Protein backbone atom coordinates (compact mmCIF):
# COMPACT_ATOMS: atom_id res chain seq x y z
CA MET A 1 8.16 31.87 -43.67
CA ASN A 2 9.85 32.95 -46.37
CA GLY A 3 9.51 29.80 -48.97
CA TYR A 4 9.76 26.87 -46.05
CA ASP A 5 5.72 26.61 -47.11
CA GLU A 6 6.72 25.55 -49.67
CA CYS A 7 9.86 23.28 -48.86
CA PHE A 8 7.77 21.69 -45.92
CA GLY A 9 4.12 22.32 -46.80
CA GLU A 10 1.61 25.35 -45.48
CA ASP A 11 1.20 23.03 -42.55
CA VAL A 12 4.45 22.35 -41.78
CA ALA A 13 4.92 25.47 -42.02
CA SER A 14 2.76 26.77 -40.23
CA LEU A 15 3.05 25.19 -36.87
CA LEU A 16 6.55 25.34 -37.24
CA SER A 17 6.38 29.33 -37.52
CA ASP A 18 3.89 28.70 -34.31
CA MET A 19 6.59 27.19 -32.39
CA VAL A 20 9.10 29.65 -33.02
CA PHE A 21 6.27 32.12 -31.69
CA TYR A 22 5.70 31.11 -28.59
CA VAL A 23 8.61 29.70 -27.86
CA GLU A 24 10.13 32.64 -28.07
CA ASN A 25 7.65 34.97 -26.02
CA GLY A 26 7.76 32.08 -23.03
CA GLU A 27 4.22 30.27 -24.06
CA VAL A 28 6.06 27.02 -23.95
CA GLU A 29 1.89 25.38 -22.00
CA LYS A 30 0.70 26.61 -25.21
CA PHE A 31 2.33 25.57 -27.87
CA LEU A 32 2.53 22.63 -26.19
CA ASP A 33 -1.41 22.02 -26.20
CA ILE A 34 -1.14 23.29 -29.96
CA LEU A 35 0.95 20.38 -31.27
CA ARG A 36 -1.00 17.94 -28.62
CA GLU A 37 -4.04 18.62 -31.22
CA LYS A 38 -1.77 19.20 -34.33
CA LEU A 39 -0.83 14.99 -32.93
CA ARG A 40 -4.06 14.28 -33.07
CA ASP A 41 -4.25 14.75 -36.65
CA LYS A 42 -3.22 12.14 -39.33
CA LYS A 43 -2.15 14.38 -41.69
CA LEU A 44 0.46 16.36 -38.79
CA ARG A 45 1.30 13.60 -36.16
CA ASP A 46 4.58 12.23 -38.05
CA GLU A 47 6.13 15.80 -37.87
CA ALA A 48 4.58 16.85 -34.85
CA THR A 49 5.83 13.60 -33.40
CA LEU A 50 9.12 15.10 -35.00
CA ILE A 51 9.22 18.22 -33.66
CA LEU A 52 8.71 16.99 -30.02
CA ARG A 53 11.07 14.55 -29.66
CA GLU A 54 13.71 16.87 -31.13
CA LEU A 55 12.84 19.64 -28.57
CA CYS A 56 12.62 17.02 -25.88
CA SER A 57 14.43 17.68 -23.22
CA ARG A 58 13.75 16.84 -18.60
CA GLU A 59 12.31 19.75 -18.01
CA LEU A 60 9.60 20.02 -21.03
CA LEU A 61 8.84 16.03 -19.55
CA ASP A 62 7.99 17.08 -16.56
CA ARG A 63 5.58 19.87 -18.74
CA LEU A 64 4.32 16.72 -20.82
CA GLU A 65 1.78 16.14 -17.75
CA GLY A 66 -0.94 13.43 -19.41
CA TRP A 67 0.23 13.35 -22.64
CA GLY A 68 1.45 9.54 -21.03
CA GLU A 69 -2.23 8.88 -20.36
CA ASP A 70 -4.12 10.84 -23.41
CA LEU A 71 -6.39 9.34 -25.14
CA GLU A 72 -5.13 9.41 -28.67
CA PRO A 73 -2.47 7.33 -28.99
CA SER A 74 -1.32 8.68 -31.41
CA VAL A 75 -0.53 11.27 -28.01
CA ARG A 76 0.52 8.52 -26.08
CA ILE A 77 3.41 7.58 -28.98
CA ALA A 78 4.40 11.23 -29.35
CA TYR A 79 5.59 11.11 -25.11
CA LEU A 80 6.78 7.68 -25.58
CA LYS A 81 9.45 9.21 -28.13
CA CYS A 82 10.51 11.55 -25.90
CA LEU A 83 10.94 9.24 -23.28
CA LEU A 84 12.75 6.79 -25.35
CA LYS A 85 14.74 10.15 -26.03
CA LEU A 86 15.89 11.09 -22.79
CA PHE A 87 15.87 6.80 -22.12
CA ASP A 88 19.36 6.70 -24.92
CA ARG A 89 20.90 10.27 -22.50
CA GLY A 90 20.61 7.79 -19.87
CA GLU A 91 18.07 11.16 -18.45
CA VAL A 92 14.93 8.67 -17.42
CA GLY A 93 15.30 4.83 -16.72
CA VAL A 94 12.93 1.15 -18.08
CA GLU A 95 10.86 2.25 -15.53
CA ASP A 96 9.29 5.63 -16.75
CA LEU A 97 8.92 3.65 -19.76
CA ALA A 98 6.99 0.63 -17.66
CA PRO A 99 3.52 1.95 -17.93
CA LEU A 100 3.61 2.04 -21.20
CA ALA A 101 3.86 -1.39 -21.91
CA GLU A 102 0.92 -1.62 -20.37
CA ASP A 103 -0.81 0.47 -23.14
CA PRO A 104 -4.27 -0.25 -24.04
CA SER A 105 -3.01 0.47 -27.83
CA PRO A 106 -1.03 -2.53 -29.63
CA LYS A 107 0.01 0.82 -31.70
CA VAL A 108 1.94 1.80 -28.61
CA ARG A 109 3.17 -1.02 -26.86
CA LEU A 110 4.82 -2.04 -30.87
CA ALA A 111 6.30 1.35 -30.41
CA LEU A 112 7.99 0.67 -27.23
CA VAL A 113 8.92 -2.90 -28.13
CA SER A 114 10.66 -1.57 -31.40
CA SER A 115 12.55 1.26 -30.16
CA LEU A 116 13.99 -1.15 -27.19
CA SER A 117 14.65 -3.91 -29.11
CA ILE A 118 18.59 -2.89 -29.13
CA TYR A 119 19.03 -2.21 -26.08
CA ALA A 120 17.71 -5.93 -24.80
CA GLU A 121 20.62 -7.10 -23.69
CA ARG A 122 20.49 -4.39 -20.47
CA GLU A 123 19.01 -6.39 -17.28
CA ASP A 124 16.52 -3.93 -16.96
CA VAL A 125 15.24 -4.33 -20.49
CA LYS A 126 14.96 -7.39 -20.82
CA LYS A 127 13.11 -8.26 -17.32
CA LEU A 128 10.78 -5.48 -18.75
CA PHE A 129 10.11 -7.49 -22.15
CA ILE A 130 10.25 -11.03 -20.83
CA GLU A 131 7.23 -9.21 -18.67
CA MET A 132 5.26 -8.41 -21.99
CA LEU A 133 5.91 -11.54 -22.74
CA GLY A 134 3.31 -12.34 -19.78
CA ARG A 135 0.89 -10.19 -21.05
CA GLU A 136 0.90 -9.72 -24.94
CA SER A 137 -1.56 -11.52 -26.90
CA ARG A 138 -0.54 -10.02 -30.04
CA GLY A 139 1.70 -11.57 -32.48
CA GLU A 140 3.47 -9.28 -34.32
CA ILE A 141 4.73 -7.36 -30.73
CA ARG A 142 5.32 -11.09 -28.87
CA ASN A 143 7.72 -12.14 -32.16
CA LEU A 144 9.99 -8.75 -31.84
CA ILE A 145 10.66 -9.38 -28.51
CA LEU A 146 11.59 -12.91 -29.25
CA GLU A 147 13.51 -11.33 -31.61
CA ALA A 148 15.06 -9.51 -29.41
CA LEU A 149 15.98 -11.33 -26.21
CA SER A 150 17.31 -14.18 -28.94
CA SER A 151 19.26 -12.14 -31.64
CA LYS A 152 22.70 -12.99 -32.08
CA THR A 153 23.98 -9.87 -31.22
CA GLN A 154 21.66 -10.57 -27.61
CA ALA A 155 23.74 -13.66 -27.47
CA GLU A 156 27.45 -11.79 -29.17
CA ALA A 157 26.90 -9.76 -26.13
CA SER A 158 26.44 -11.40 -23.18
CA GLY A 159 29.21 -13.67 -24.23
CA LYS A 160 26.79 -17.10 -23.61
CA LEU A 161 23.15 -18.40 -23.58
CA ASP A 162 21.81 -18.40 -20.36
CA GLU A 163 19.13 -21.23 -19.71
CA ARG A 164 16.90 -20.18 -16.95
CA PHE A 165 16.62 -17.64 -19.31
CA LEU A 166 15.12 -19.27 -22.60
CA SER A 167 13.63 -21.82 -19.81
CA LYS A 168 11.63 -18.50 -19.12
CA ILE A 169 11.49 -17.80 -22.79
CA ILE A 170 9.34 -21.04 -22.88
CA LYS A 171 7.34 -21.25 -19.87
CA LYS A 172 5.82 -17.56 -20.79
CA LEU A 173 4.97 -19.25 -24.73
CA ARG A 174 3.69 -22.46 -23.91
CA ARG A 175 1.06 -19.68 -21.36
CA PHE A 176 -0.17 -18.80 -25.04
CA PRO A 177 -1.89 -20.96 -27.80
């Protein structure tokens, strides 16, 4: 690929070359199969996730059926990154992200919370976070949720602290040792 090997590395250059070839030839499904396999490769996981996120569109999302239930957490995280891009654009809602809040992998749940934390002032995100607090046993994830829900930015955006909201959080916290 004319010097791209030196810039990106041979494996990434090969993946980019495959992408161009298959997409130009209308074989998007074939490229997605290759990309899904590369997401299982620790060496190319980050690059493959970035490529999927950058290519993600509502049309492409329809072709990712089953990615949210893949056995490999890195595939589910890449799927999540695609959903989050569309969420940022207003093309999908929290209800599309919610199933990943119950993912068996803490890596997936952590990626979800860390990505959604900037939207913690939104009622739908706040509700999802409160629901997650009721289930979540991982301290790191719980702390990130609580930080997002109680951040100064959150309080400033709402204009006041909601006593009922804080009471709900305290009740949820009392359930865990």
